């Protein structure tokens, strides 16, 4: 029985690590795609509207 619990615990840790890896890879791919798109169009960034002041500012890198 303890072996089964350890196996399930190990499987859960591996699954969480895998999901984190995939999420980070997708985030990196999105960031690289944004940079490539900015270089192609010659833009300097993306504007986002501040909901409080209503002003537009450059989007901060995540």
PDB file of N, CA and C in Angstrom:
ATOM      1  N   UNK A   1       0.813  -1.202   0.000  1.00  0.00           N
ATOM      2  CA  UNK A   1       0.000   0.000   0.000  1.00  0.00           C
ATOM      3  C   UNK A   1       0.859   1.271   0.000  1.00  0.00           C
ATOM      4  N   UNK A   2       1.943   1.347   0.795  1.00  0.00           N
ATOM      5  CA  UNK A   2       2.760   2.566   0.754  1.00  0.00           C
ATOM      6  C   UNK A   2       3.387   2.792  -0.624  1.00  0.00           C
ATOM      7  N   UNK A   3       3.699   1.703  -1.335  1.00  0.00           N
ATOM      8  CA  UNK A   3       4.275   1.846  -2.664  1.00  0.00           C
ATOM      9  C   UNK A   3       3.265   2.507  -3.618  1.00  0.00           C
ATOM     10  N   UNK A   4       2.000   2.149  -3.485  1.00  0.00           N
ATOM     11  CA  UNK A   4       0.963   2.728  -4.328  1.00  0.00           C
ATOM     12  C   UNK A   4       0.812   4.217  -4.043  1.00  0.00           C
ATOM     13  N   UNK A   5       0.845   4.593  -2.781  1.00  0.00           N
ATOM     14  CA  UNK A   5       0.735   6.002  -2.405  1.00  0.00           C
ATOM     15  C   UNK A   5       1.926   6.783  -2.948  1.00  0.00           C
ATOM     16  N   UNK A   6       3.127   6.232  -2.807  1.00  0.00           N
ATOM     17  CA  UNK A   6       4.307   6.908  -3.335  1.00  0.00           C
ATOM     18  C   UNK A   6       4.255   7.012  -4.859  1.00  0.00           C
ATOM     19  N   UNK A   7       3.775   5.972  -5.514  1.00  0.00           N
ATOM     20  CA  UNK A   7       3.648   6.004  -6.965  1.00  0.00           C
ATOM     21  C   UNK A   7       2.649   7.076  -7.399  1.00  0.00           C
ATOM     22  N   UNK A   8       1.520   7.163  -6.722  1.00  0.00           N
ATOM     23  CA  UNK A   8       0.524   8.178  -7.046  1.00  0.00           C
ATOM     24  C   UNK A   8       1.061   9.583  -6.773  1.00  0.00           C
ATOM     25  N   UNK A   9       1.793   9.747  -5.685  1.00  0.00           N
ATOM     26  CA  UNK A   9       2.394  11.035  -5.364  1.00  0.00           C
ATOM     27  C   UNK A   9       3.410  11.423  -6.432  1.00  0.00           C
ATOM     28  N   UNK A  10       4.243  10.485  -6.837  1.00  0.00           N
ATOM     29  CA  UNK A  10       5.228  10.735  -7.886  1.00  0.00           C
ATOM     30  C   UNK A  10       4.539  11.097  -9.198  1.00  0.00           C
ATOM     31  N   UNK A  11       3.477  10.369  -9.546  1.00  0.00           N
ATOM     32  CA  UNK A  11       2.744  10.641 -10.789  1.00  0.00           C
ATOM     33  C   UNK A  11       2.127  12.040 -10.752  1.00  0.00           C
ATOM     34  N   UNK A  12       1.594  12.445  -9.610  1.00  0.00           N
ATOM     35  CA  UNK A  12       1.008  13.776  -9.481  1.00  0.00           C
ATOM     36  C   UNK A  12       2.073  14.858  -9.651  1.00  0.00           C
ATOM     37  N   UNK A  13       3.246  14.648  -9.059  1.00  0.00           N
ATOM     38  CA  UNK A  13       4.333  15.626  -9.179  1.00  0.00           C
ATOM     39  C   UNK A  13       4.804  15.723 -10.627  1.00  0.00           C
ATOM     40  N   UNK A  14       4.927  14.592 -11.290  1.00  0.00           N
ATOM     41  CA  UNK A  14       5.336  14.587 -12.700  1.00  0.00           C
ATOM     42  C   UNK A  14       4.294  15.305 -13.552  1.00  0.00           C
ATOM     43  N   UNK A  15       3.018  15.058 -13.301  1.00  0.00           N
ATOM     44  CA  UNK A  15       1.948  15.689 -14.071  1.00  0.00           C
ATOM     45  C   UNK A  15       1.957  17.203 -13.884  1.00  0.00           C
ATOM     46  N   UNK A  16       2.116  17.648 -12.647  1.00  0.00           N
ATOM     47  CA  UNK A  16       2.163  19.085 -12.373  1.00  0.00           C
ATOM     48  C   UNK A  16       3.380  19.716 -13.053  1.00  0.00           C
ATOM     49  N   UNK A  17       4.511  19.047 -12.998  1.00  0.00           N
ATOM     50  CA  UNK A  17       5.714  19.543 -13.667  1.00  0.00           C
ATOM     51  C   UNK A  17       5.539  19.613 -15.171  1.00  0.00           C
ATOM     52  N   UNK A  18       4.901  18.620 -15.734  1.00  0.00           N
ATOM     53  CA  UNK A  18       4.652  18.604 -17.175  1.00  0.00           C
ATOM     54  C   UNK A  18       3.744  19.758 -17.584  1.00  0.00           C
ATOM     55  N   UNK A  19       2.669  19.976 -16.844  1.00  0.00           N
ATOM     56  CA  UNK A  19       1.739  21.065 -17.153  1.00  0.00           C
ATOM     57  C   UNK A  19       2.448  22.420 -17.047  1.00  0.00           C
ATOM     58  N   UNK A  20       3.304  22.585 -16.042  1.00  0.00           N
ATOM     59  CA  UNK A  20       4.060  23.828 -15.881  1.00  0.00           C
ATOM     60  C   UNK A  20       5.001  24.024 -17.070  1.00  0.00           C
ATOM     61  N   UNK A  21       5.662  22.955 -17.505  1.00  0.00           N
ATOM     62  CA  UNK A  21       6.566  23.028 -18.643  1.00  0.00           C
ATOM     63  C   UNK A  21       5.817  23.436 -19.904  1.00  0.00           C
ATOM     64  N   UNK A  22       4.663  22.832 -20.153  1.00  0.00           N
ATOM     65  CA  UNK A  22       3.874  23.143 -21.337  1.00  0.00           C
ATOM     66  C   UNK A  22       3.380  24.592 -21.285  1.00  0.00           C
ATOM     67  N   UNK A  23       2.932  25.039 -20.131  1.00  0.00           N
ATOM     68  CA  UNK A  23       2.455  26.416 -19.998  1.00  0.00           C
ATOM     69  C   UNK A  23       3.590  27.406 -20.263  1.00  0.00           C
ATOM     70  N   UNK A  24       4.771  27.131 -19.729  1.00  0.00           N
ATOM     71  CA  UNK A  24       5.917  28.013 -19.961  1.00  0.00           C
ATOM     72  C   UNK A  24       6.330  28.012 -21.426  1.00  0.00           C
ATOM     73  N   UNK A  25       6.283  26.856 -22.071  1.00  0.00           N
ATOM     74  CA  UNK A  25       6.641  26.768 -23.487  1.00  0.00           C
ATOM     75  C   UNK A  25       5.651  27.554 -24.347  1.00  0.00           C
ATOM     76  N   UNK A  26       4.374  27.470 -24.031  1.00  0.00           N
ATOM     77  CA  UNK A  26       3.369  28.226 -24.784  1.00  0.00           C
ATOM     78  C   UNK A  26       3.544  29.722 -24.577  1.00  0.00           C
ATOM     79  N   UNK A  27       3.849  30.123 -23.351  1.00  0.00           N
ATOM     80  CA  UNK A  27       4.068  31.537 -23.048  1.00  0.00           C
ATOM     81  C   UNK A  27       5.283  32.065 -23.815  1.00  0.00           C
ATOM     82  N   UNK A  28       6.348  31.292 -23.856  1.00  0.00           N
ATOM     83  CA  UNK A  28       7.549  31.684 -24.584  1.00  0.00           C
ATOM     84  C   UNK A  28       7.276  31.770 -26.082  1.00  0.00           C
ATOM     85  N   UNK A  29       6.527  30.827 -26.616  1.00  0.00           N
ATOM     86  CA  UNK A  29       6.198  30.843 -28.040  1.00  0.00           C
ATOM     87  C   UNK A  29       5.356  32.070 -28.384  1.00  0.00           C
ATOM     88  N   UNK A  30       4.394  32.408 -27.519  1.00  0.00           N
ATOM     89  CA  UNK A  30       3.579  33.600 -27.738  1.00  0.00           C
ATOM     90  C   UNK A  30       4.435  34.858 -27.730  1.00  0.00           C
ATOM     91  N   UNK A  31       5.356  34.937 -26.774  1.00  0.00           N
ATOM     92  CA  UNK A  31       6.225  36.104 -26.665  1.00  0.00           C
ATOM     93  C   UNK A  31       7.109  36.235 -27.901  1.00  0.00           C
ATOM     94  N   UNK A  32       7.665  35.116 -28.372  1.00  0.00           N
ATOM     95  CA  UNK A  32       8.506  35.153 -29.570  1.00  0.00           C
ATOM     96  C   UNK A  32       7.688  35.536 -30.802  1.00  0.00           C
ATOM     97  N   UNK A  33       6.455  35.072 -30.867  1.00  0.00           N
ATOM     98  CA  UNK A  33       5.597  35.419 -31.990  1.00  0.00           C
ATOM     99  C   UNK A  33       5.283  36.916 -31.966  1.00  0.00           C
ATOM    100  N   UNK A  34       5.032  37.479 -30.799  1.00  0.00           N
ATOM    101  CA  UNK A  34       4.779  38.914 -30.690  1.00  0.00           C
ATOM    102  C   UNK A  34       5.996  39.725 -31.118  1.00  0.00           C
ATOM    103  N   UNK A  35       7.186  39.300 -30.696  1.00  0.00           N
ATOM    104  CA  UNK A  35       8.409  40.004 -31.067  1.00  0.00           C
ATOM    105  C   UNK A  35       8.621  39.930 -32.572  1.00  0.00           C
ATOM    106  N   UNK A  36       8.412  38.760 -33.158  1.00  0.00           N
ATOM    107  CA  UNK A  36       8.573  38.599 -34.600  1.00  0.00           C
ATOM    108  C   UNK A  36       7.587  39.484 -35.353  1.00  0.00           C
ATOM    109  N   UNK A  37       6.340  39.515 -34.880  1.00  0.00           N
ATOM    110  CA  UNK A  37       5.316  40.338 -35.521  1.00  0.00           C
ATOM    111  C   UNK A  37       5.672  41.819 -35.416  1.00  0.00           C
ATOM    112  N   UNK A  38       6.207  42.245 -34.254  1.00  0.00           N
ATOM    113  CA  UNK A  38       6.609  43.640 -34.086  1.00  0.00           C
ATOM    114  C   UNK A  38       7.760  43.993 -35.016  1.00  0.00           C
ATOM    115  N   UNK A  39       8.696  43.084 -35.211  1.00  0.00           N
ATOM    116  CA  UNK A  39       9.812  43.342 -36.109  1.00  0.00           C
ATOM    117  C   UNK A  39       9.343  43.423 -37.558  1.00  0.00           C
ATOM    118  N   UNK A  40       8.384  42.593 -37.929  1.00  0.00           N
ATOM    119  CA  UNK A  40       7.874  42.610 -39.301  1.00  0.00           C
ATOM    120  C   UNK A  40       7.145  43.910 -39.607  1.00  0.00           C
ATOM    121  N   UNK A  41       6.363  44.406 -38.654  1.00  0.00           N
ATOM    122  CA  UNK A  41       5.556  45.596 -38.899  1.00  0.00           C
ATOM    123  C   UNK A  41       6.264  46.875 -38.507  1.00  0.00           C
ATOM    124  N   UNK A  42       7.346  46.767 -37.749  1.00  0.00           N
ATOM    125  CA  UNK A  42       8.084  47.959 -37.342  1.00  0.00           C
ATOM    126  C   UNK A  42       7.472  48.684 -36.154  1.00  0.00           C
ATOM    127  N   UNK A  43       6.569  48.040 -35.443  1.00  0.00           N
ATOM    128  CA  UNK A  43       5.964  48.675 -34.275  1.00  0.00           C
ATOM    129  C   UNK A  43       6.907  48.609 -33.085  1.00  0.00           C
ATOM    130  N   UNK A  44       6.626  49.426 -32.085  1.00  0.00           N
ATOM    131  CA  UNK A  44       7.469  49.454 -30.902  1.00  0.00           C
ATOM    132  C   UNK A  44       6.806  48.820 -29.694  1.00  0.00           C
ATOM    133  N   UNK A  45       5.609  48.325 -29.842  1.00  0.00           N
ATOM    134  CA  UNK A  45       4.919  47.677 -28.732  1.00  0.00           C
ATOM    135  C   UNK A  45       3.418  47.691 -28.943  1.00  0.00           C
ATOM    136  N   UNK A  46       2.709  47.177 -27.955  1.00  0.00           N
ATOM    137  CA  UNK A  46       1.262  47.118 -28.008  1.00  0.00           C
ATOM    138  C   UNK A  46       0.687  48.076 -26.981  1.00  0.00           C
ATOM    139  N   UNK A  47      -0.297  48.855 -27.387  1.00  0.00           N
ATOM    140  CA  UNK A  47      -0.937  49.782 -26.463  1.00  0.00           C
ATOM    141  C   UNK A  47      -2.101  49.098 -25.757  1.00  0.00           C
ATOM    142  N   UNK A  48      -2.203  49.335 -24.446  1.00  0.00           N
ATOM    143  CA  UNK A  48      -3.329  48.842 -23.664  1.00  0.00           C
ATOM    144  C   UNK A  48      -3.934  50.020 -22.911  1.00  0.00           C
ATOM    145  N   UNK A  49      -5.231  49.991 -22.759  1.00  0.00           N
ATOM    146  CA  UNK A  49      -5.933  51.085 -22.091  1.00  0.00           C
ATOM    147  C   UNK A  49      -5.979  50.836 -20.590  1.00  0.00           C
ATOM    148  N   UNK A  50      -5.590  51.848 -19.821  1.00  0.00           N
ATOM    149  CA  UNK A  50      -5.667  51.776 -18.364  1.00  0.00           C
ATOM    150  C   UNK A  50      -7.119  52.001 -17.973  1.00  0.00           C
ATOM    151  N   UNK A  51      -7.764  51.022 -17.311  1.00  0.00           N
ATOM    152  CA  UNK A  51      -9.191  51.170 -16.997  1.00  0.00           C
ATOM    153  C   UNK A  51      -9.487  52.292 -16.005  1.00  0.00           C
ATOM    154  N   UNK A  52      -8.524  52.656 -15.182  1.00  0.00           N
ATOM    155  CA  UNK A  52      -8.763  53.683 -14.172  1.00  0.00           C
ATOM    156  C   UNK A  52      -8.677  55.079 -14.780  1.00  0.00           C
ATOM    157  N   UNK A  53      -7.578  55.356 -15.494  1.00  0.00           N
ATOM    158  CA  UNK A  53      -7.359  56.700 -16.023  1.00  0.00           C
ATOM    159  C   UNK A  53      -7.865  56.870 -17.447  1.00  0.00           C
ATOM    160  N   UNK A  54      -8.022  55.766 -18.187  1.00  0.00           N
ATOM    161  CA  UNK A  54      -8.458  55.846 -19.567  1.00  0.00           C
ATOM    162  C   UNK A  54      -7.331  56.156 -20.534  1.00  0.00           C
ATOM    163  N   UNK A  55      -6.097  56.229 -20.043  1.00  0.00           N
ATOM    164  CA  UNK A  55      -4.949  56.516 -20.895  1.00  0.00           C
ATOM    165  C   UNK A  55      -4.409  55.221 -21.496  1.00  0.00           C
ATOM    166  N   UNK A  56      -3.798  55.375 -22.654  1.00  0.00           N
ATOM    167  CA  UNK A  56      -3.158  54.238 -23.303  1.00  0.00           C
ATOM    168  C   UNK A  56      -1.676  54.240 -22.968  1.00  0.00           C
ATOM    169  N   UNK A  57      -1.159  53.055 -22.658  1.00  0.00           N
ATOM    170  CA  UNK A  57       0.250  52.889 -22.332  1.00  0.00           C
ATOM    171  C   UNK A  57       0.796  51.658 -23.044  1.00  0.00           C
ATOM    172  N   UNK A  58       2.111  51.589 -23.160  1.00  0.00           N
ATOM    173  CA  UNK A  58       2.717  50.393 -23.741  1.00  0.00           C
ATOM    174  C   UNK A  58       2.509  49.204 -22.816  1.00  0.00           C
ATOM    175  N   UNK A  59       2.207  48.067 -23.400  1.00  0.00           N
ATOM    176  CA  UNK A  59       2.008  46.849 -22.637  1.00  0.00           C
ATOM    177  C   UNK A  59       3.335  46.413 -22.024  1.00  0.00           C
ATOM    178  N   UNK A  60       3.325  46.123 -20.750  1.00  0.00           N
ATOM    179  CA  UNK A  60       4.526  45.688 -20.063  1.00  0.00           C
ATOM    180  C   UNK A  60       4.788  44.206 -20.360  1.00  0.00           C
ATOM    181  N   UNK A  61       6.049  43.842 -20.554  1.00  0.00           N
ATOM    182  CA  UNK A  61       6.348  42.422 -20.772  1.00  0.00           C
ATOM    183  C   UNK A  61       6.001  41.615 -19.529  1.00  0.00           C
ATOM    184  N   UNK A  62       5.502  40.417 -19.751  1.00  0.00           N
ATOM    185  CA  UNK A  62       5.075  39.578 -18.619  1.00  0.00           C
ATOM    186  C   UNK A  62       6.214  38.869 -17.983  1.00  0.00           C
TER     187      UNK A  62
END
